[in-house]
């Protein structure tokens, strides 16, 4: 776990045709950690080879929530840089929904992640 977050839920729809089992596991881990924040409404991912962009949607700009998410993202990135053969280069983006439809705020090639 990162920052003490423990979440028994799992991510679905992580895999695209290009995902392999190692990177798929990393993406599942990231999703469990990010969705551990109750403020996170949605998450979208786009991927091109080893490059992964994660858009994290929260309801509105709240600096306390943003700081908490940034700290968690830094912890995740540290795990990636510590791994001897990290399969992904990851970049996080925090999106403030502000009453808008989240799909209008992220790139069209990003796919939504569901947590069940």
N, C-alpha and C. Protein backbone atom coordinates (compact mmCIF):
# COMPACT_ATOMS: atom_id res chain seq x y z
N UNK A 1 0.83 -1.19 0.00
CA UNK A 1 0.00 0.00 0.00
C UNK A 1 0.87 1.25 0.00
N UNK A 2 0.30 2.36 -0.44
CA UNK A 2 0.96 3.65 -0.45
C UNK A 2 0.22 4.55 0.52
N UNK A 3 0.93 5.29 1.34
CA UNK A 3 0.32 6.18 2.33
C UNK A 3 -0.69 5.45 3.20
N UNK A 4 -0.46 4.18 3.46
CA UNK A 4 -1.35 3.43 4.33
C UNK A 4 -2.68 3.07 3.70
N UNK A 5 -2.86 3.36 2.42
CA UNK A 5 -4.12 3.07 1.75
C UNK A 5 -4.23 1.58 1.48
N UNK A 6 -5.31 0.99 1.89
CA UNK A 6 -5.58 -0.41 1.59
C UNK A 6 -6.97 -0.47 0.99
N UNK A 7 -7.10 -1.07 -0.17
CA UNK A 7 -8.37 -1.10 -0.86
C UNK A 7 -8.55 -2.47 -1.48
N UNK A 8 -9.61 -3.17 -1.12
CA UNK A 8 -9.82 -4.52 -1.62
C UNK A 8 -10.49 -4.52 -2.99
N UNK A 9 -10.92 -3.35 -3.46
CA UNK A 9 -11.53 -3.29 -4.78
C UNK A 9 -10.46 -3.49 -5.85
N UNK A 10 -10.88 -3.77 -7.05
CA UNK A 10 -9.91 -3.98 -8.12
C UNK A 10 -10.36 -3.22 -9.35
N UNK A 11 -9.39 -2.90 -10.19
CA UNK A 11 -9.68 -2.14 -11.40
C UNK A 11 -10.11 -3.09 -12.51
N UNK A 12 -11.06 -2.65 -13.30
CA UNK A 12 -11.46 -3.40 -14.47
C UNK A 12 -11.24 -2.51 -15.68
N UNK A 13 -11.25 -3.11 -16.83
CA UNK A 13 -11.04 -2.41 -18.08
C UNK A 13 -9.68 -1.72 -18.12
N UNK A 14 -8.69 -2.25 -17.43
CA UNK A 14 -7.36 -1.66 -17.47
C UNK A 14 -6.68 -2.03 -18.78
N UNK A 15 -6.83 -3.26 -19.19
CA UNK A 15 -6.08 -3.76 -20.33
C UNK A 15 -6.61 -3.21 -21.64
N UNK A 16 -5.69 -2.76 -22.44
CA UNK A 16 -5.95 -2.52 -23.86
C UNK A 16 -5.18 -3.63 -24.57
N UNK A 17 -5.32 -3.71 -25.86
CA UNK A 17 -4.64 -4.77 -26.59
C UNK A 17 -3.13 -4.71 -26.38
N UNK A 18 -2.58 -3.53 -26.11
CA UNK A 18 -1.13 -3.38 -26.01
C UNK A 18 -0.60 -3.67 -24.61
N UNK A 19 -1.44 -3.84 -23.62
CA UNK A 19 -0.97 -4.03 -22.24
C UNK A 19 -0.49 -5.47 -22.06
N UNK A 20 0.66 -5.60 -21.38
CA UNK A 20 1.11 -6.94 -21.04
C UNK A 20 0.82 -7.19 -19.57
N UNK A 21 1.08 -8.40 -19.09
CA UNK A 21 0.67 -8.75 -17.73
C UNK A 21 1.42 -7.94 -16.67
N UNK A 22 2.68 -7.59 -16.91
CA UNK A 22 3.44 -6.83 -15.92
C UNK A 22 2.90 -5.41 -15.80
N UNK A 23 2.74 -4.72 -16.93
CA UNK A 23 2.24 -3.35 -16.87
C UNK A 23 0.78 -3.32 -16.44
N UNK A 24 0.02 -4.36 -16.79
CA UNK A 24 -1.37 -4.45 -16.35
C UNK A 24 -1.43 -4.50 -14.82
N UNK A 25 -0.53 -5.24 -14.20
CA UNK A 25 -0.46 -5.29 -12.74
C UNK A 25 -0.11 -3.95 -12.13
N UNK A 26 0.82 -3.24 -12.74
CA UNK A 26 1.17 -1.89 -12.26
C UNK A 26 -0.03 -0.96 -12.35
N UNK A 27 -0.75 -1.02 -13.46
CA UNK A 27 -1.92 -0.15 -13.62
C UNK A 27 -3.00 -0.49 -12.59
N UNK A 28 -3.18 -1.75 -12.32
CA UNK A 28 -4.16 -2.14 -11.29
C UNK A 28 -3.75 -1.59 -9.93
N UNK A 29 -2.48 -1.68 -9.62
CA UNK A 29 -1.98 -1.14 -8.36
C UNK A 29 -2.24 0.36 -8.27
N UNK A 30 -1.90 1.10 -9.32
CA UNK A 30 -2.11 2.55 -9.33
C UNK A 30 -3.58 2.88 -9.13
N UNK A 31 -4.45 2.18 -9.82
CA UNK A 31 -5.89 2.45 -9.71
C UNK A 31 -6.40 2.19 -8.30
N UNK A 32 -5.97 1.08 -7.70
CA UNK A 32 -6.40 0.81 -6.32
C UNK A 32 -5.97 1.93 -5.39
N UNK A 33 -4.75 2.41 -5.56
CA UNK A 33 -4.25 3.47 -4.69
C UNK A 33 -5.00 4.78 -4.92
N UNK A 34 -5.18 5.16 -6.16
CA UNK A 34 -5.84 6.43 -6.48
C UNK A 34 -7.30 6.39 -6.05
N UNK A 35 -8.01 5.30 -6.33
CA UNK A 35 -9.41 5.20 -5.95
C UNK A 35 -9.57 5.03 -4.45
N UNK A 36 -8.48 4.85 -3.71
CA UNK A 36 -8.54 4.82 -2.26
C UNK A 36 -8.90 6.17 -1.67
N UNK A 37 -8.73 7.23 -2.45
CA UNK A 37 -9.15 8.57 -2.03
C UNK A 37 -10.65 8.70 -2.27
N UNK A 38 -11.44 8.95 -1.23
CA UNK A 38 -12.88 9.05 -1.43
C UNK A 38 -13.29 10.22 -2.33
N UNK A 39 -12.42 11.21 -2.47
CA UNK A 39 -12.75 12.39 -3.29
C UNK A 39 -12.63 12.10 -4.78
N UNK A 40 -11.91 11.05 -5.15
CA UNK A 40 -11.72 10.74 -6.57
C UNK A 40 -13.02 10.19 -7.13
N UNK A 41 -13.54 10.89 -8.14
CA UNK A 41 -14.79 10.48 -8.78
C UNK A 41 -14.57 9.52 -9.92
N UNK A 42 -13.55 9.82 -10.72
CA UNK A 42 -13.28 9.01 -11.90
C UNK A 42 -11.79 9.05 -12.20
N UNK A 43 -11.37 8.09 -13.01
CA UNK A 43 -10.00 8.08 -13.50
C UNK A 43 -10.01 7.61 -14.94
N UNK A 44 -9.21 8.25 -15.74
CA UNK A 44 -9.07 7.90 -17.15
C UNK A 44 -7.60 7.64 -17.42
N UNK A 45 -7.33 6.73 -18.36
CA UNK A 45 -5.96 6.37 -18.69
C UNK A 45 -5.80 6.36 -20.20
N UNK A 46 -4.67 6.88 -20.66
CA UNK A 46 -4.28 6.68 -22.05
C UNK A 46 -2.89 6.09 -22.02
N UNK A 47 -2.59 5.32 -23.04
CA UNK A 47 -1.31 4.63 -23.05
C UNK A 47 -0.79 4.49 -24.46
N UNK A 48 0.48 4.78 -24.61
CA UNK A 48 1.17 4.53 -25.86
C UNK A 48 2.49 3.89 -25.50
N UNK A 49 2.60 2.62 -25.75
CA UNK A 49 3.75 1.81 -25.36
C UNK A 49 3.99 1.92 -23.87
N UNK A 50 5.16 2.42 -23.44
CA UNK A 50 5.45 2.54 -22.01
C UNK A 50 4.96 3.84 -21.40
N UNK A 51 4.44 4.74 -22.20
CA UNK A 51 3.98 6.05 -21.72
C UNK A 51 2.52 5.97 -21.30
N UNK A 52 2.26 6.29 -20.04
CA UNK A 52 0.91 6.23 -19.50
C UNK A 52 0.55 7.58 -18.90
N UNK A 53 -0.61 8.09 -19.25
CA UNK A 53 -1.16 9.30 -18.65
C UNK A 53 -2.41 8.92 -17.88
N UNK A 54 -2.48 9.38 -16.63
CA UNK A 54 -3.64 9.14 -15.77
C UNK A 54 -4.30 10.47 -15.45
N UNK A 55 -5.57 10.58 -15.77
CA UNK A 55 -6.35 11.76 -15.42
C UNK A 55 -7.23 11.40 -14.24
N UNK A 56 -7.04 12.11 -13.15
CA UNK A 56 -7.76 11.86 -11.91
C UNK A 56 -8.79 12.98 -11.75
N UNK A 57 -10.05 12.61 -11.70
CA UNK A 57 -11.13 13.59 -11.67
C UNK A 57 -11.63 13.74 -10.23
N UNK A 58 -11.60 15.00 -9.76
CA UNK A 58 -12.18 15.32 -8.45
C UNK A 58 -13.26 16.38 -8.68
N UNK A 59 -14.20 16.53 -7.74
CA UNK A 59 -15.35 17.41 -7.99
C UNK A 59 -15.00 18.88 -8.18
N UNK A 60 -14.05 19.39 -7.39
CA UNK A 60 -13.70 20.81 -7.50
C UNK A 60 -12.28 21.00 -6.98
N UNK A 61 -11.75 22.18 -7.24
CA UNK A 61 -10.40 22.48 -6.77
C UNK A 61 -10.43 22.63 -5.25
N UNK A 62 -9.67 21.77 -4.60
CA UNK A 62 -9.53 21.80 -3.15
C UNK A 62 -8.07 21.49 -2.86
N UNK A 63 -7.34 22.49 -2.38
CA UNK A 63 -5.90 22.36 -2.25
C UNK A 63 -5.50 21.21 -1.32
N UNK A 64 -6.28 20.94 -0.29
CA UNK A 64 -5.96 19.82 0.61
C UNK A 64 -6.05 18.48 -0.13
N UNK A 65 -7.07 18.32 -0.95
CA UNK A 65 -7.22 17.10 -1.74
C UNK A 65 -6.09 17.00 -2.76
N UNK A 66 -5.80 18.10 -3.43
CA UNK A 66 -4.74 18.11 -4.43
C UNK A 66 -3.40 17.74 -3.80
N UNK A 67 -3.09 18.33 -2.66
CA UNK A 67 -1.82 18.01 -1.99
C UNK A 67 -1.75 16.53 -1.62
N UNK A 68 -2.84 16.00 -1.10
CA UNK A 68 -2.87 14.59 -0.74
C UNK A 68 -2.64 13.70 -1.96
N UNK A 69 -3.31 14.02 -3.06
CA UNK A 69 -3.14 13.24 -4.29
C UNK A 69 -1.71 13.36 -4.83
N UNK A 70 -1.15 14.56 -4.78
CA UNK A 70 0.22 14.77 -5.28
C UNK A 70 1.21 13.96 -4.44
N UNK A 71 1.03 13.95 -3.13
CA UNK A 71 1.91 13.15 -2.28
C UNK A 71 1.82 11.67 -2.65
N UNK A 72 0.61 11.21 -2.87
CA UNK A 72 0.42 9.81 -3.23
C UNK A 72 1.04 9.53 -4.60
N UNK A 73 0.87 10.44 -5.54
CA UNK A 73 1.47 10.27 -6.86
C UNK A 73 2.99 10.20 -6.76
N UNK A 74 3.57 11.03 -5.92
CA UNK A 74 5.02 11.00 -5.73
C UNK A 74 5.47 9.66 -5.16
N UNK A 75 4.70 9.11 -4.23
CA UNK A 75 5.02 7.79 -3.68
C UNK A 75 4.98 6.72 -4.77
N UNK A 76 3.97 6.79 -5.62
CA UNK A 76 3.84 5.83 -6.72
C UNK A 76 5.01 5.98 -7.68
N UNK A 77 5.35 7.20 -8.03
CA UNK A 77 6.47 7.43 -8.95
C UNK A 77 7.78 6.93 -8.34
N UNK A 78 7.97 7.13 -7.04
CA UNK A 78 9.17 6.60 -6.37
C UNK A 78 9.25 5.08 -6.49
N UNK A 79 8.10 4.41 -6.36
CA UNK A 79 8.09 2.96 -6.54
C UNK A 79 8.52 2.58 -7.96
N UNK A 80 8.06 3.33 -8.94
CA UNK A 80 8.43 3.05 -10.33
C UNK A 80 9.91 3.26 -10.55
N UNK A 81 10.46 4.34 -10.01
CA UNK A 81 11.88 4.61 -10.23
C UNK A 81 12.77 3.65 -9.45
N UNK A 82 12.25 3.08 -8.37
CA UNK A 82 13.02 2.11 -7.58
C UNK A 82 13.00 0.72 -8.21
N UNK A 83 12.01 0.45 -9.02
CA UNK A 83 11.91 -0.87 -9.66
C UNK A 83 13.02 -1.02 -10.69
N UNK A 84 13.71 -2.16 -10.70
CA UNK A 84 14.83 -2.33 -11.62
C UNK A 84 14.43 -2.28 -13.09
N UNK A 85 13.26 -2.75 -13.42
CA UNK A 85 12.81 -2.76 -14.81
C UNK A 85 11.37 -2.27 -14.88
N UNK A 86 11.15 -1.03 -14.51
CA UNK A 86 9.80 -0.49 -14.51
C UNK A 86 9.23 -0.52 -15.92
N UNK A 87 8.03 -1.08 -16.08
CA UNK A 87 7.46 -1.23 -17.41
C UNK A 87 6.80 0.04 -17.95
N UNK A 88 6.64 1.06 -17.11
CA UNK A 88 5.87 2.24 -17.53
C UNK A 88 6.54 3.54 -17.13
N UNK A 89 6.31 4.57 -17.92
CA UNK A 89 6.60 5.96 -17.56
C UNK A 89 5.24 6.60 -17.36
N UNK A 90 5.01 7.11 -16.17
CA UNK A 90 3.66 7.56 -15.84
C UNK A 90 3.62 9.05 -15.54
N UNK A 91 2.54 9.68 -15.96
CA UNK A 91 2.32 11.09 -15.70
C UNK A 91 0.88 11.23 -15.19
N UNK A 92 0.72 11.99 -14.12
CA UNK A 92 -0.59 12.20 -13.52
C UNK A 92 -1.10 13.60 -13.83
N UNK A 93 -2.42 13.71 -13.99
CA UNK A 93 -3.09 14.98 -14.22
C UNK A 93 -4.32 15.02 -13.32
N UNK A 94 -4.47 16.08 -12.57
CA UNK A 94 -5.66 16.23 -11.73
C UNK A 94 -6.63 17.15 -12.44
N UNK A 95 -7.85 16.69 -12.58
CA UNK A 95 -8.89 17.43 -13.31
C UNK A 95 -9.97 17.84 -12.33
N UNK A 96 -10.33 19.13 -12.33
CA UNK A 96 -11.42 19.63 -11.49
C UNK A 96 -12.69 19.62 -12.34
N UNK A 97 -13.65 18.78 -11.96
CA UNK A 97 -14.87 18.63 -12.77
C UNK A 97 -15.74 19.87 -12.74
N UNK A 98 -15.93 20.45 -11.56
CA UNK A 98 -16.71 21.69 -11.42
C UNK A 98 -18.07 21.61 -12.11
N UNK A 99 -18.78 20.47 -11.94
CA UNK A 99 -20.12 20.32 -12.48
C UNK A 99 -20.18 19.92 -13.94
N UNK A 100 -19.04 19.80 -14.59
CA UNK A 100 -19.00 19.43 -16.01
C UNK A 100 -18.89 17.92 -16.17
N UNK A 101 -19.13 17.46 -17.37
CA UNK A 101 -18.97 16.05 -17.70
C UNK A 101 -17.47 15.75 -17.83
N UNK A 102 -16.99 14.79 -17.07
CA UNK A 102 -15.56 14.48 -17.05
C UNK A 102 -15.04 14.09 -18.42
N UNK A 103 -15.85 13.43 -19.24
CA UNK A 103 -15.38 13.01 -20.56
C UNK A 103 -15.07 14.21 -21.46
N UNK A 104 -15.63 15.37 -21.16
CA UNK A 104 -15.33 16.58 -21.92
C UNK A 104 -14.01 17.21 -21.48
N UNK A 105 -13.44 16.74 -20.38
CA UNK A 105 -12.26 17.38 -19.79
C UNK A 105 -10.97 16.59 -20.00
N UNK A 106 -11.07 15.40 -20.53
CA UNK A 106 -9.89 14.56 -20.75
C UNK A 106 -9.77 14.28 -22.25
N UNK A 107 -8.57 13.91 -22.71
CA UNK A 107 -8.41 13.61 -24.13
C UNK A 107 -9.32 12.48 -24.60
N UNK A 108 -9.70 12.54 -25.85
CA UNK A 108 -10.64 11.56 -26.39
C UNK A 108 -10.06 10.15 -26.45
N UNK A 109 -8.73 10.02 -26.45
CA UNK A 109 -8.14 8.68 -26.50
C UNK A 109 -7.97 8.05 -25.12
N UNK A 110 -8.36 8.76 -24.06
CA UNK A 110 -8.27 8.21 -22.71
C UNK A 110 -9.52 7.38 -22.43
N UNK A 111 -9.33 6.23 -21.80
CA UNK A 111 -10.47 5.38 -21.49
C UNK A 111 -10.75 5.41 -20.00
N UNK A 112 -12.04 5.31 -19.63
CA UNK A 112 -12.40 5.38 -18.20
C UNK A 112 -12.04 4.08 -17.49
N UNK A 113 -11.67 4.22 -16.23
CA UNK A 113 -11.37 3.09 -15.37
C UNK A 113 -12.53 2.93 -14.41
N UNK A 114 -13.02 1.72 -14.30
CA UNK A 114 -14.11 1.44 -13.35
C UNK A 114 -13.52 0.72 -12.15
N UNK A 115 -14.02 1.05 -10.99
CA UNK A 115 -13.67 0.31 -9.78
C UNK A 115 -14.95 -0.32 -9.26
N UNK A 116 -14.94 -1.62 -9.06
CA UNK A 116 -16.12 -2.32 -8.55
C UNK A 116 -15.87 -2.79 -7.16
